[in-house]
N, C-alpha and C. Protein backbone atom coordinates (compact mmCIF):
# COMPACT_ATOMS: atom_id res chain seq x y z
N MET A 1 -59.95 123.15 -33.22
CA MET A 1 -59.23 123.17 -34.47
C MET A 1 -57.75 123.43 -34.19
N LYS A 2 -56.90 122.65 -34.81
CA LYS A 2 -55.46 122.77 -34.62
C LYS A 2 -54.91 123.77 -35.63
N ARG A 3 -54.17 124.76 -35.13
CA ARG A 3 -53.59 125.76 -36.02
C ARG A 3 -52.08 125.61 -36.01
N TYR A 4 -51.48 125.67 -37.18
CA TYR A 4 -50.04 125.50 -37.31
C TYR A 4 -49.29 126.83 -37.29
N GLY A 5 -49.99 127.91 -37.38
CA GLY A 5 -49.36 129.23 -37.43
C GLY A 5 -50.28 130.20 -38.11
N ARG A 6 -49.91 131.45 -38.05
CA ARG A 6 -50.78 132.44 -38.68
C ARG A 6 -50.66 132.36 -40.19
N THR A 7 -51.66 132.88 -40.88
CA THR A 7 -51.63 132.87 -42.33
C THR A 7 -51.32 134.27 -42.84
N VAL A 8 -50.79 134.32 -44.03
CA VAL A 8 -50.40 135.58 -44.65
C VAL A 8 -50.89 135.58 -46.08
N ASP A 9 -51.41 136.74 -46.52
CA ASP A 9 -51.81 136.89 -47.91
C ASP A 9 -50.65 137.49 -48.69
N ILE A 10 -50.44 137.00 -49.88
CA ILE A 10 -49.36 137.54 -50.71
C ILE A 10 -49.79 137.47 -52.18
N ALA A 11 -49.40 138.46 -52.95
CA ALA A 11 -49.77 138.52 -54.36
C ALA A 11 -48.53 138.48 -55.23
N PHE A 12 -48.62 137.79 -56.36
CA PHE A 12 -47.54 137.72 -57.34
C PHE A 12 -48.12 137.99 -58.70
N ASN A 13 -47.40 138.71 -59.50
CA ASN A 13 -47.73 138.86 -60.91
C ASN A 13 -46.47 138.48 -61.66
N ILE A 14 -46.47 137.34 -62.24
CA ILE A 14 -45.28 136.78 -62.84
C ILE A 14 -45.38 136.92 -64.35
N CYS A 15 -44.43 137.60 -64.95
CA CYS A 15 -44.44 137.79 -66.40
C CYS A 15 -43.18 137.27 -67.06
N GLY A 16 -42.25 136.72 -66.29
CA GLY A 16 -41.06 136.15 -66.88
C GLY A 16 -39.96 137.15 -67.19
N THR A 17 -40.07 138.40 -66.70
CA THR A 17 -39.05 139.38 -67.01
C THR A 17 -38.34 139.90 -65.77
N GLU A 18 -38.60 139.36 -64.59
CA GLU A 18 -37.96 139.82 -63.37
C GLU A 18 -36.48 139.45 -63.39
N SER A 19 -35.63 140.35 -62.88
CA SER A 19 -34.20 140.05 -62.87
C SER A 19 -33.78 139.35 -61.59
N ALA A 20 -34.13 139.87 -60.43
CA ALA A 20 -33.80 139.27 -59.13
C ALA A 20 -32.34 138.84 -59.07
N SER A 21 -31.45 139.67 -59.60
CA SER A 21 -30.05 139.26 -59.70
C SER A 21 -29.40 139.07 -58.34
N GLU A 22 -29.81 139.84 -57.32
CA GLU A 22 -29.16 139.67 -56.03
C GLU A 22 -29.56 138.36 -55.35
N ASN A 23 -30.62 137.72 -55.81
CA ASN A 23 -31.07 136.46 -55.22
C ASN A 23 -30.69 135.26 -56.06
N THR A 24 -29.81 135.43 -57.03
CA THR A 24 -29.44 134.33 -57.91
C THR A 24 -28.44 133.42 -57.21
N LEU A 25 -28.74 132.14 -57.23
CA LEU A 25 -27.83 131.14 -56.67
C LEU A 25 -27.34 130.26 -57.80
N LYS A 26 -26.07 129.94 -57.79
CA LYS A 26 -25.55 128.99 -58.77
C LYS A 26 -25.64 127.60 -58.18
N MET A 27 -25.95 126.65 -59.02
CA MET A 27 -26.00 125.27 -58.57
C MET A 27 -24.58 124.86 -58.16
N THR A 28 -24.48 124.02 -57.14
CA THR A 28 -23.16 123.65 -56.63
C THR A 28 -22.43 122.69 -57.56
N ASP A 29 -23.15 121.83 -58.20
CA ASP A 29 -22.52 120.87 -59.10
C ASP A 29 -22.41 121.49 -60.49
N GLN A 30 -21.21 121.50 -61.08
CA GLN A 30 -21.00 122.13 -62.38
C GLN A 30 -21.86 121.47 -63.46
N LYS A 31 -22.03 120.16 -63.40
CA LYS A 31 -22.85 119.47 -64.40
C LYS A 31 -24.29 119.95 -64.32
N GLU A 32 -24.83 120.08 -63.11
CA GLU A 32 -26.18 120.60 -62.95
C GLU A 32 -26.27 122.03 -63.46
N ASP A 33 -25.23 122.83 -63.20
CA ASP A 33 -25.22 124.22 -63.65
C ASP A 33 -25.28 124.28 -65.17
N ASP A 34 -24.53 123.40 -65.85
CA ASP A 34 -24.56 123.37 -67.30
C ASP A 34 -25.92 122.92 -67.83
N GLU A 35 -26.52 121.94 -67.16
CA GLU A 35 -27.78 121.37 -67.62
C GLU A 35 -28.97 122.27 -67.32
N LEU A 36 -29.03 122.80 -66.09
CA LEU A 36 -30.22 123.51 -65.65
C LEU A 36 -30.07 125.03 -65.61
N GLY A 37 -28.89 125.55 -65.61
CA GLY A 37 -28.70 126.99 -65.55
C GLY A 37 -28.77 127.51 -64.13
N LYS A 38 -29.05 128.79 -64.02
CA LYS A 38 -29.07 129.43 -62.71
C LYS A 38 -30.42 129.25 -62.03
N PHE A 39 -30.37 129.05 -60.74
CA PHE A 39 -31.56 128.90 -59.90
C PHE A 39 -31.79 130.26 -59.25
N LYS A 40 -32.89 130.92 -59.57
CA LYS A 40 -33.18 132.24 -59.02
C LYS A 40 -34.24 132.13 -57.92
N ILE A 41 -33.90 132.61 -56.74
CA ILE A 41 -34.88 132.68 -55.66
C ILE A 41 -35.41 134.10 -55.65
N ILE A 42 -36.66 134.26 -56.01
CA ILE A 42 -37.26 135.58 -56.08
C ILE A 42 -37.87 135.97 -54.74
N PHE A 43 -38.49 135.01 -54.07
CA PHE A 43 -39.07 135.25 -52.75
C PHE A 43 -39.02 133.93 -51.99
N ASN A 44 -38.55 133.98 -50.74
CA ASN A 44 -38.45 132.75 -49.96
C ASN A 44 -38.59 133.06 -48.48
N GLU A 45 -39.57 132.44 -47.84
CA GLU A 45 -39.75 132.55 -46.40
C GLU A 45 -39.60 131.19 -45.72
N MET A 46 -39.07 130.21 -46.42
CA MET A 46 -38.92 128.88 -45.85
C MET A 46 -37.70 128.83 -44.93
N GLN A 47 -37.75 127.90 -43.97
CA GLN A 47 -36.60 127.64 -43.11
C GLN A 47 -35.47 127.10 -43.97
N PRO A 48 -34.21 127.25 -43.54
CA PRO A 48 -33.07 126.81 -44.37
C PRO A 48 -33.13 125.36 -44.81
N ASP A 49 -33.51 124.43 -43.93
CA ASP A 49 -33.58 123.02 -44.35
C ASP A 49 -34.69 122.79 -45.36
N MET A 50 -35.82 123.44 -45.17
CA MET A 50 -36.93 123.32 -46.11
C MET A 50 -36.58 123.98 -47.44
N SER A 51 -35.87 125.08 -47.39
CA SER A 51 -35.44 125.78 -48.59
C SER A 51 -34.48 124.92 -49.42
N GLU A 52 -33.56 124.25 -48.75
CA GLU A 52 -32.63 123.35 -49.43
C GLU A 52 -33.39 122.20 -50.09
N TYR A 53 -34.36 121.64 -49.38
CA TYR A 53 -35.18 120.56 -49.93
C TYR A 53 -35.97 121.06 -51.14
N MET A 54 -36.47 122.29 -51.06
CA MET A 54 -37.22 122.87 -52.17
C MET A 54 -36.35 122.97 -53.41
N MET A 55 -35.10 123.42 -53.26
CA MET A 55 -34.21 123.55 -54.41
C MET A 55 -33.91 122.18 -55.02
N GLU A 56 -33.68 121.17 -54.18
CA GLU A 56 -33.43 119.82 -54.68
C GLU A 56 -34.65 119.27 -55.41
N THR A 57 -35.83 119.48 -54.84
CA THR A 57 -37.07 118.97 -55.42
C THR A 57 -37.37 119.62 -56.76
N VAL A 58 -37.25 120.94 -56.82
CA VAL A 58 -37.52 121.67 -58.06
C VAL A 58 -36.51 121.27 -59.14
N SER A 59 -35.23 121.18 -58.77
CA SER A 59 -34.20 120.77 -59.74
C SER A 59 -34.46 119.37 -60.26
N GLY A 60 -34.82 118.46 -59.37
CA GLY A 60 -35.12 117.09 -59.78
C GLY A 60 -36.32 117.00 -60.70
N ALA A 61 -37.36 117.77 -60.40
CA ALA A 61 -38.56 117.78 -61.24
C ALA A 61 -38.25 118.35 -62.63
N MET A 62 -37.45 119.42 -62.68
CA MET A 62 -37.11 119.99 -63.98
C MET A 62 -36.20 119.06 -64.78
N ARG A 63 -35.32 118.36 -64.09
CA ARG A 63 -34.46 117.38 -64.76
C ARG A 63 -35.33 116.28 -65.39
N SER A 64 -36.32 115.81 -64.65
CA SER A 64 -37.24 114.79 -65.18
C SER A 64 -38.04 115.34 -66.35
N HIS A 65 -38.42 116.60 -66.28
CA HIS A 65 -39.18 117.23 -67.37
C HIS A 65 -38.31 117.32 -68.63
N LEU A 66 -37.04 117.67 -68.46
CA LEU A 66 -36.14 117.76 -69.62
C LEU A 66 -35.90 116.40 -70.26
N LYS A 67 -35.87 115.34 -69.45
CA LYS A 67 -35.68 113.99 -69.97
C LYS A 67 -36.93 113.44 -70.63
N GLY A 68 -38.07 114.11 -70.44
CA GLY A 68 -39.33 113.65 -71.02
C GLY A 68 -40.12 112.75 -70.11
N GLU A 69 -39.64 112.53 -68.88
CA GLU A 69 -40.36 111.68 -67.94
C GLU A 69 -41.63 112.37 -67.43
N LEU A 70 -41.57 113.68 -67.31
CA LEU A 70 -42.74 114.48 -66.94
C LEU A 70 -43.11 115.32 -68.15
N LYS A 71 -44.30 115.10 -68.70
CA LYS A 71 -44.67 115.69 -69.98
C LYS A 71 -45.10 117.15 -69.89
N SER A 72 -45.74 117.56 -68.80
CA SER A 72 -46.30 118.90 -68.72
C SER A 72 -45.93 119.57 -67.39
N TYR A 73 -46.18 120.87 -67.32
CA TYR A 73 -45.97 121.59 -66.06
C TYR A 73 -46.89 121.04 -64.97
N ASN A 74 -48.05 120.55 -65.36
CA ASN A 74 -48.96 119.94 -64.39
C ASN A 74 -48.31 118.72 -63.73
N ASP A 75 -47.62 117.90 -64.52
CA ASP A 75 -46.91 116.74 -63.98
C ASP A 75 -45.77 117.17 -63.06
N VAL A 76 -45.05 118.23 -63.46
CA VAL A 76 -43.95 118.76 -62.65
C VAL A 76 -44.49 119.24 -61.30
N ALA A 77 -45.57 120.01 -61.35
CA ALA A 77 -46.18 120.52 -60.11
C ALA A 77 -46.65 119.37 -59.23
N GLY A 78 -47.24 118.36 -59.83
CA GLY A 78 -47.72 117.20 -59.07
C GLY A 78 -46.59 116.47 -58.36
N GLN A 79 -45.46 116.33 -59.03
CA GLN A 79 -44.32 115.65 -58.40
C GLN A 79 -43.78 116.46 -57.23
N VAL A 80 -43.61 117.77 -57.41
CA VAL A 80 -43.10 118.62 -56.33
C VAL A 80 -44.08 118.61 -55.15
N LYS A 81 -45.37 118.72 -55.44
CA LYS A 81 -46.39 118.71 -54.39
C LYS A 81 -46.35 117.40 -53.60
N LYS A 82 -46.28 116.28 -54.30
CA LYS A 82 -46.25 114.98 -53.63
C LYS A 82 -45.04 114.86 -52.70
N GLN A 83 -43.88 115.29 -53.19
CA GLN A 83 -42.67 115.20 -52.37
C GLN A 83 -42.77 116.09 -51.13
N PHE A 84 -43.32 117.28 -51.27
CA PHE A 84 -43.48 118.16 -50.11
C PHE A 84 -44.49 117.59 -49.12
N GLN A 85 -45.59 117.06 -49.62
CA GLN A 85 -46.61 116.50 -48.72
C GLN A 85 -46.11 115.26 -48.01
N ASP A 86 -45.28 114.47 -48.67
CA ASP A 86 -44.72 113.28 -48.02
C ASP A 86 -43.76 113.66 -46.90
N LYS A 87 -42.96 114.69 -47.13
CA LYS A 87 -41.94 115.05 -46.15
C LYS A 87 -42.46 115.97 -45.04
N TYR A 88 -43.27 116.97 -45.40
CA TYR A 88 -43.66 118.00 -44.44
C TYR A 88 -45.13 117.95 -44.01
N LYS A 89 -45.90 117.05 -44.56
CA LYS A 89 -47.31 116.88 -44.21
C LYS A 89 -48.10 118.18 -44.44
N GLY A 90 -49.40 118.08 -44.43
CA GLY A 90 -50.25 119.25 -44.64
C GLY A 90 -50.62 119.43 -46.09
N ALA A 91 -51.33 120.50 -46.37
CA ALA A 91 -51.82 120.80 -47.71
C ALA A 91 -50.86 121.74 -48.42
N TRP A 92 -50.03 121.20 -49.27
CA TRP A 92 -49.08 121.98 -50.06
C TRP A 92 -49.68 122.27 -51.42
N HIS A 93 -49.37 123.43 -51.95
CA HIS A 93 -49.87 123.85 -53.26
C HIS A 93 -48.67 124.28 -54.10
N VAL A 94 -48.66 123.86 -55.36
CA VAL A 94 -47.55 124.16 -56.25
C VAL A 94 -48.12 124.66 -57.57
N ILE A 95 -47.66 125.83 -57.98
CA ILE A 95 -48.04 126.41 -59.26
C ILE A 95 -46.77 126.51 -60.10
N VAL A 96 -46.82 125.97 -61.31
CA VAL A 96 -45.66 125.96 -62.20
C VAL A 96 -46.08 126.51 -63.55
N GLY A 97 -45.26 127.40 -64.10
CA GLY A 97 -45.56 127.91 -65.43
C GLY A 97 -44.58 128.96 -65.89
N ALA A 98 -44.69 129.33 -67.16
CA ALA A 98 -43.84 130.37 -67.72
C ALA A 98 -44.38 131.75 -67.37
N GLN A 99 -45.70 131.89 -67.28
CA GLN A 99 -46.34 133.15 -66.92
C GLN A 99 -47.62 132.84 -66.17
N PHE A 100 -47.79 133.46 -65.03
CA PHE A 100 -49.05 133.34 -64.30
C PHE A 100 -49.14 134.44 -63.26
N GLY A 101 -50.33 134.72 -62.81
CA GLY A 101 -50.57 135.66 -61.72
C GLY A 101 -51.19 134.90 -60.57
N SER A 102 -50.95 135.38 -59.36
CA SER A 102 -51.45 134.63 -58.22
C SER A 102 -51.63 135.53 -57.01
N PHE A 103 -52.65 135.26 -56.20
CA PHE A 103 -52.85 135.87 -54.89
C PHE A 103 -53.16 134.71 -53.97
N VAL A 104 -52.30 134.44 -53.00
CA VAL A 104 -52.47 133.25 -52.16
C VAL A 104 -52.41 133.61 -50.69
N THR A 105 -53.04 132.78 -49.88
CA THR A 105 -52.92 132.84 -48.43
C THR A 105 -52.12 131.61 -48.02
N HIS A 106 -51.12 131.83 -47.17
CA HIS A 106 -50.24 130.73 -46.80
C HIS A 106 -49.87 130.83 -45.33
N GLU A 107 -49.41 129.72 -44.79
CA GLU A 107 -48.89 129.71 -43.43
C GLU A 107 -47.50 130.34 -43.43
N THR A 108 -47.16 130.98 -42.31
CA THR A 108 -45.86 131.65 -42.24
C THR A 108 -44.73 130.65 -42.40
N THR A 109 -43.65 131.12 -42.95
CA THR A 109 -42.42 130.36 -43.22
C THR A 109 -42.64 129.12 -44.09
N THR A 110 -43.64 129.17 -44.97
CA THR A 110 -43.90 128.02 -45.84
C THR A 110 -44.21 128.47 -47.27
N ILE A 111 -43.46 129.43 -47.79
CA ILE A 111 -43.70 129.87 -49.16
C ILE A 111 -42.36 130.17 -49.85
N ALA A 112 -42.30 129.82 -51.13
CA ALA A 112 -41.14 130.15 -51.95
C ALA A 112 -41.61 130.39 -53.38
N TYR A 113 -40.97 131.35 -54.02
CA TYR A 113 -41.23 131.65 -55.42
C TYR A 113 -39.88 131.68 -56.11
N VAL A 114 -39.65 130.73 -57.02
CA VAL A 114 -38.33 130.57 -57.64
C VAL A 114 -38.46 130.41 -59.15
N ASN A 115 -37.32 130.56 -59.82
CA ASN A 115 -37.26 130.43 -61.27
C ASN A 115 -36.10 129.52 -61.64
N LEU A 116 -36.37 128.61 -62.56
CA LEU A 116 -35.34 127.74 -63.11
C LEU A 116 -35.69 127.45 -64.56
N LEU A 117 -34.78 127.72 -65.46
CA LEU A 117 -34.99 127.49 -66.90
C LEU A 117 -36.22 128.24 -67.44
N LYS A 118 -36.39 129.47 -67.06
CA LYS A 118 -37.52 130.30 -67.50
C LYS A 118 -38.86 129.72 -67.07
N THR A 119 -38.83 128.87 -66.06
CA THR A 119 -40.05 128.28 -65.50
C THR A 119 -40.15 128.72 -64.05
N TYR A 120 -41.30 129.23 -63.67
CA TYR A 120 -41.51 129.74 -62.33
C TYR A 120 -42.26 128.72 -61.48
N PHE A 121 -41.87 128.66 -60.21
CA PHE A 121 -42.48 127.76 -59.24
C PHE A 121 -42.94 128.58 -58.04
N LEU A 122 -44.20 128.47 -57.70
CA LEU A 122 -44.73 129.04 -56.47
C LEU A 122 -45.16 127.87 -55.60
N ILE A 123 -44.49 127.71 -54.47
CA ILE A 123 -44.73 126.57 -53.57
C ILE A 123 -45.12 127.13 -52.21
N PHE A 124 -46.27 126.70 -51.68
CA PHE A 124 -46.70 127.20 -50.39
C PHE A 124 -47.60 126.21 -49.69
N LYS A 125 -47.72 126.38 -48.39
CA LYS A 125 -48.57 125.51 -47.58
C LYS A 125 -49.72 126.33 -47.02
N HIS A 126 -50.91 125.78 -47.14
CA HIS A 126 -52.09 126.37 -46.53
C HIS A 126 -53.08 125.27 -46.23
N GLY A 127 -53.36 125.08 -44.99
CA GLY A 127 -54.32 124.07 -44.59
C GLY A 127 -53.71 122.82 -44.03
């Protein structure tokens, strides 16, 4: 059996009230900042290039959701998952919602928990 790295268990209880002000990043493009607001990274163990791709992917999915191209959070999660699986291979999992709780096992350096427009994204690889 081929192993890509050790796995880690992590728990999240997301209620939509976390501040995470020290991890707040402003979008670089002023137009995106006006449209999407602040991008909050609450937890991130991804490599810098993967982290940058994650921010682009999440922003693009939310932009599509705002335009009505993606009707539900399920569609948003599906788009982000597909893009991650196409680029990084493996079994990626994406949870999107305004409120949810989660306990997940993931491979090291392959997890991020972010917030954009009061919508939370938990993206991780396992398997």
